Amino acid sequence: MIFIPLSDDNPLRHVPYQWVTVGLIGVNVAIFAWQFIGIGPSPAASFALVPSELFQAGLLGGPAYGRYDTIAVPESLTLLTYMFFHADIFHLSTNMLFLWVFGDNVEDALGHIRFLVFYVACGVAGGLAHAWIGAGSWVPLVGASGAVAGVIAAYLLLHPGVRVWVLVLRVIPVRMTAVWILGVWAVSQVFMLLFGRGDQIAWSAHVGGMVAGALLVVVLRRRGVPLLDGGIVLLDQPDWAGAWRAVPSRPSELP
């Protein structure tokens, strides 16, 4: 991974707290604990998305066909369940860090309920894209990457000018605008889908979730929330109430 996000300069404007983002992180962490700390065999094989089994059972229903399942889960349901399981702690922590840094502002732009619908829809879209491209594959797919890719695409369309702190090459702290960081990330996902070979990363799920996120944010965002807003500028002085104000950086939107 070229960079690891740490934080952004982008306060919430419509919701007091990112409850859905935090809730999703909590659910993912709890399920990971169940996988690797719980008693008995790992349930991940039951809830993973396996393209060949999905198409064998059908997209709208059907029995569980998993050869290594410990829990019988209908194959169509794995389009939802796969995104809450992870292969290891690095897989989990990377996805959750991206969700923590960028999810709150997307939730702010959409609202709590629509953000939850958005997140799940992006994850399902990522799973469908992966299954369609590798329809004959028996390799299980797990991870929130498709859903998180949708969040990243939405953030890029909403706040391309926001400054983001990242660790470049995992060690060098750099503050850059989101359009450069997330734009490079998005292009790299498409490049790896087209030309990458020999790794275990489901690039098709990333791209599928990313495309879904870019389309859905246009439809689901709050009325009046602009796209490509140019970022947020924090005033150097507090207002009369003693609280720091955040104002849009476009001159036409200044009071």
Protein backbone atom coordinates (compact mmCIF):
# COMPACT_ATOMS: atom_id res chain seq x y z
CA MET A 1 0.00 0.00 0.00
CA ILE A 2 1.39 3.38 -1.06
CA PHE A 3 -0.18 5.40 1.75
CA ILE A 4 -2.09 4.99 5.00
CA PRO A 5 -4.64 7.71 5.90
CA LEU A 6 -4.44 9.22 9.38
CA SER A 7 -6.89 12.13 9.53
CA ASP A 8 -8.52 14.86 7.46
CA ASP A 9 -9.28 18.56 7.96
CA ASN A 10 -13.02 18.17 7.41
CA PRO A 11 -15.48 18.81 10.27
CA LEU A 12 -19.03 17.50 10.29
CA ARG A 13 -21.68 19.96 9.14
CA HIS A 14 -25.03 18.16 9.32
CA VAL A 15 -24.84 15.44 11.99
CA PRO A 16 -23.46 15.73 15.53
CA TYR A 17 -21.66 12.38 15.37
CA GLN A 18 -20.91 9.62 12.86
CA TRP A 19 -22.92 6.91 14.63
CA VAL A 20 -23.27 4.59 11.63
CA THR A 21 -19.57 4.73 10.76
CA VAL A 22 -18.60 3.88 14.33
CA GLY A 23 -21.26 1.18 14.47
CA LEU A 24 -19.98 -0.46 11.30
CA ILE A 25 -16.44 -0.45 12.66
CA GLY A 26 -17.69 -1.98 15.90
CA VAL A 27 -19.56 -4.76 14.08
CA ASN A 28 -16.53 -5.59 11.95
CA VAL A 29 -14.24 -5.73 14.98
CA ALA A 30 -16.71 -7.89 16.94
CA ILE A 31 -17.05 -10.36 14.06
CA PHE A 32 -13.28 -10.51 13.68
CA ALA A 33 -13.01 -11.38 17.37
CA TRP A 34 -15.60 -14.12 16.83
CA GLN A 35 -13.54 -15.48 13.95
CA PHE A 36 -10.19 -15.66 15.64
CA ILE A 37 -10.84 -15.60 19.39
CA GLY A 38 -14.09 -17.53 19.60
CA ILE A 39 -14.34 -21.20 20.44
CA GLY A 40 -14.71 -23.70 17.62
CA PRO A 41 -13.89 -23.58 13.88
CA SER A 42 -13.80 -20.24 12.09
CA PRO A 43 -17.18 -19.33 10.57
CA ALA A 44 -15.62 -17.27 7.78
CA ALA A 45 -15.96 -20.04 5.18
CA SER A 46 -19.71 -20.12 5.71
CA PHE A 47 -20.18 -16.39 5.24
CA ALA A 48 -17.63 -15.80 2.46
CA LEU A 49 -18.72 -15.09 -1.09
CA VAL A 50 -17.74 -17.89 -3.50
CA PRO A 51 -18.60 -16.92 -7.12
CA SER A 52 -19.19 -20.42 -8.47
CA GLU A 53 -21.45 -21.33 -5.54
CA LEU A 54 -23.35 -18.05 -5.83
CA PHE A 55 -24.22 -18.63 -9.48
CA GLN A 56 -24.97 -22.29 -8.85
CA ALA A 57 -27.56 -21.35 -6.22
CA GLY A 58 -28.81 -18.23 -7.97
CA LEU A 59 -28.65 -14.56 -7.02
CA LEU A 60 -32.12 -14.43 -5.48
CA GLY A 61 -32.06 -17.42 -3.21
CA GLY A 62 -31.07 -21.04 -3.02
CA PRO A 63 -29.42 -23.34 -0.50
CA ALA A 64 -25.92 -23.27 0.92
CA TYR A 65 -23.42 -25.14 -1.24
CA GLY A 66 -20.22 -24.41 0.72
CA ARG A 67 -17.93 -27.40 0.93
CA TYR A 68 -16.22 -26.15 4.08
CA ASP A 69 -19.15 -24.45 5.78
CA THR A 70 -19.60 -24.77 9.52
CA ILE A 71 -22.90 -22.83 9.34
CA ALA A 72 -25.46 -23.26 6.54
CA VAL A 73 -25.83 -19.83 4.91
CA PRO A 74 -27.84 -19.32 1.68
CA GLU A 75 -25.42 -18.35 -1.06
CA SER A 76 -27.34 -15.21 -2.03
CA LEU A 77 -27.00 -13.96 1.56
CA THR A 78 -23.20 -14.11 1.30
CA LEU A 79 -23.36 -11.00 -0.90
CA LEU A 80 -24.13 -9.21 2.37
CA THR A 81 -22.23 -11.28 4.94
CA TYR A 82 -18.88 -11.45 3.15
CA MET A 83 -18.16 -7.77 3.76
CA PHE A 84 -18.13 -8.19 7.56
CA PHE A 85 -15.41 -10.87 7.68
CA HIS A 86 -11.67 -10.37 7.23
CA ALA A 87 -8.68 -12.57 6.55
CA ASP A 88 -6.34 -11.16 9.21
CA ILE A 89 -5.74 -8.20 11.50
CA PHE A 90 -3.96 -6.16 8.80
CA HIS A 91 -6.87 -6.69 6.41
CA LEU A 92 -9.32 -5.55 9.08
CA SER A 93 -7.30 -2.60 10.38
CA THR A 94 -6.65 -1.18 6.90
CA ASN A 95 -10.30 -1.25 5.91
CA MET A 96 -11.46 0.17 9.22
CA LEU A 97 -8.89 2.98 9.16
CA PHE A 98 -10.07 4.10 5.71
CA LEU A 99 -13.67 3.88 6.92
CA TRP A 100 -12.87 5.91 10.05
CA VAL A 101 -11.07 8.72 8.20
CA PHE A 102 -13.46 9.09 5.25
CA GLY A 103 -16.75 7.54 6.34
CA ASP A 104 -17.82 10.27 8.76
CA ASN A 105 -18.00 12.98 6.12
CA VAL A 106 -19.85 10.76 3.66
CA GLU A 107 -22.30 9.89 6.44
CA ASP A 108 -22.60 13.62 7.13
CA ALA A 109 -23.43 14.32 3.48
CA LEU A 110 -25.97 11.50 3.16
CA GLY A 111 -27.51 11.17 6.62
CA HIS A 112 -27.37 8.14 8.89
CA ILE A 113 -29.92 5.85 7.24
CA ARG A 114 -28.97 6.62 3.66
CA PHE A 115 -25.31 6.16 4.51
CA LEU A 116 -26.02 2.68 5.86
CA VAL A 117 -27.95 1.83 2.69
CA PHE A 118 -25.12 3.33 0.63
CA TYR A 119 -22.44 1.29 2.44
CA VAL A 120 -24.28 -2.01 2.07
CA ALA A 121 -25.13 -1.32 -1.58
CA CYS A 122 -21.49 -0.59 -2.40
CA GLY A 123 -20.43 -3.82 -0.70
CA VAL A 124 -23.02 -5.83 -2.65
CA ALA A 125 -21.96 -4.14 -5.89
CA GLY A 126 -18.33 -5.02 -5.17
CA GLY A 127 -19.28 -8.63 -4.50
CA LEU A 128 -21.34 -8.85 -7.70
CA ALA A 129 -18.52 -7.35 -9.77
CA HIS A 130 -16.05 -9.84 -8.33
CA ALA A 131 -18.42 -12.77 -8.87
CA TRP A 132 -19.24 -11.74 -12.44
CA ILE A 133 -15.60 -11.36 -13.47
CA GLY A 134 -14.55 -14.63 -11.81
CA ALA A 135 -17.77 -16.62 -12.21
CA GLY A 136 -16.00 -19.98 -12.16
CA SER A 137 -13.84 -19.28 -9.12
CA TRP A 138 -14.05 -21.39 -5.95
CA VAL A 139 -11.87 -18.97 -3.95
CA PRO A 140 -13.81 -17.40 -1.03
CA LEU A 141 -14.03 -13.62 -0.87
CA VAL A 142 -14.16 -11.75 2.45
CA GLY A 143 -13.57 -8.15 3.49
CA ALA A 144 -15.13 -4.70 3.59
CA SER A 145 -12.94 -3.39 0.76
CA GLY A 146 -15.77 -3.12 -1.78
CA ALA A 147 -17.94 -1.10 0.61
CA VAL A 148 -15.00 1.04 1.74
CA ALA A 149 -14.05 1.67 -1.90
CA GLY A 150 -17.51 3.13 -2.39
CA VAL A 151 -16.95 5.42 0.60
CA ILE A 152 -13.62 6.56 -0.86
CA ALA A 153 -15.17 7.31 -4.26
CA ALA A 154 -17.97 9.29 -2.61
CA TYR A 155 -15.51 11.29 -0.52
CA LEU A 156 -13.47 12.06 -3.62
CA LEU A 157 -16.55 13.46 -5.37
CA LEU A 158 -17.70 15.39 -2.32
CA HIS A 159 -14.45 16.81 -0.91
CA PRO A 160 -11.58 16.66 -3.43
CA GLY A 161 -9.90 19.74 -1.98
CA VAL A 162 -9.77 18.66 1.65
CA ARG A 163 -6.32 18.21 3.18
CA VAL A 164 -5.57 14.71 4.42
CA TRP A 165 -2.68 13.51 6.58
CA VAL A 166 -1.23 10.23 5.35
CA LEU A 167 1.80 8.04 5.91
CA VAL A 168 3.55 7.59 2.59
CA LEU A 169 5.27 4.21 2.33
CA ARG A 170 3.91 3.67 5.88
CA VAL A 171 6.56 5.91 7.50
CA ILE A 172 6.62 9.44 6.00
CA PRO A 173 3.85 11.81 7.23
CA VAL A 174 2.56 14.03 4.41
CA ARG A 175 -0.42 16.39 4.18
CA MET A 176 -1.99 16.42 0.71
CA THR A 177 -5.34 17.18 -0.89
CA ALA A 178 -7.77 14.30 -1.23
CA VAL A 179 -7.91 14.57 -5.01
CA TRP A 180 -4.27 13.51 -5.28
CA ILE A 181 -4.33 10.81 -2.63
CA LEU A 182 -7.66 9.22 -3.44
CA GLY A 183 -7.32 9.88 -7.16
CA VAL A 184 -4.08 7.92 -7.28
CA TRP A 185 -5.71 5.18 -5.23
CA ALA A 186 -8.70 4.97 -7.60
CA VAL A 187 -6.53 4.84 -10.70
CA SER A 188 -4.34 2.15 -9.13
CA GLN A 189 -7.38 -0.05 -8.48
CA VAL A 190 -8.40 0.07 -12.14
CA PHE A 191 -4.81 -0.51 -13.27
CA MET A 192 -4.43 -3.56 -11.04
CA LEU A 193 -7.75 -4.96 -12.21
CA LEU A 194 -6.63 -4.70 -15.83
CA PHE A 195 -2.98 -5.64 -15.51
CA GLY A 196 -2.38 -7.13 -12.04
CA ARG A 197 -1.55 -10.80 -11.86
CA GLY A 198 -0.65 -13.35 -9.21
CA ASP A 199 -1.95 -11.78 -5.99
CA GLN A 200 -4.88 -12.55 -3.71
CA ILE A 201 -6.48 -9.10 -3.75
CA ALA A 202 -9.95 -8.85 -5.29
CA TRP A 203 -9.39 -5.73 -7.40
CA SER A 204 -12.70 -6.28 -9.18
CA ALA A 205 -14.57 -5.90 -5.86
CA HIS A 206 -12.73 -2.63 -5.22
CA VAL A 207 -13.63 -1.24 -8.64
CA GLY A 208 -17.23 -2.45 -8.42
CA GLY A 209 -17.70 -0.78 -5.05
CA MET A 210 -15.97 2.36 -6.26
CA VAL A 211 -18.24 2.73 -9.30
CA ALA A 212 -21.32 2.13 -7.16
CA GLY A 213 -20.17 4.72 -4.62
CA ALA A 214 -19.55 7.35 -7.29
CA LEU A 215 -23.03 6.85 -8.73
CA LEU A 216 -24.96 6.51 -5.47
CA VAL A 217 -23.53 9.58 -3.76
CA VAL A 218 -24.97 11.74 -6.54
CA VAL A 219 -28.46 10.37 -5.85
CA LEU A 220 -28.39 9.89 -2.06
CA ARG A 221 -26.64 13.04 -0.83
CA ARG A 222 -28.66 15.61 1.11
CA ARG A 223 -30.39 18.33 -0.81
CA GLY A 224 -28.05 21.27 -1.06
CA VAL A 225 -24.87 19.26 -0.48
CA PRO A 226 -22.60 20.11 -3.43
CA LEU A 227 -20.24 17.84 -5.30
CA LEU A 228 -16.62 18.90 -5.73
CA ASP A 229 -16.98 21.44 -2.93
CA GLY A 230 -13.33 22.43 -2.94
CA GLY A 231 -12.67 21.63 0.69
CA ILE A 232 -13.07 23.36 4.02
CA VAL A 233 -11.17 26.35 5.36
CA LEU A 234 -10.96 26.78 9.15
CA LEU A 235 -11.07 30.39 10.26
CA ASP A 236 -8.13 31.63 12.31
CA GLN A 237 -10.39 33.30 14.88
CA PRO A 238 -13.38 31.94 16.84
CA ASP A 239 -16.82 33.42 16.21
CA TRP A 240 -18.89 35.30 18.82
CA ALA A 241 -20.00 32.06 20.51
CA GLY A 242 -16.42 30.98 21.05
CA ALA A 243 -16.68 27.98 18.71
CA TRP A 244 -14.54 27.46 15.66
CA ARG A 245 -16.45 27.95 12.44
CA ALA A 246 -15.98 26.04 9.21
CA VAL A 247 -16.89 27.76 5.97
CA PRO A 248 -16.77 26.60 2.34
CA SER A 249 -13.69 27.69 0.47
CA ARG A 250 -15.59 28.80 -2.64
CA PRO A 251 -15.86 32.60 -2.61
CA SER A 252 -19.43 32.43 -3.95
CA GLU A 253 -20.51 30.49 -0.87
CA LEU A 254 -19.04 32.85 1.70
CA PRO A 255 -21.54 34.85 3.78
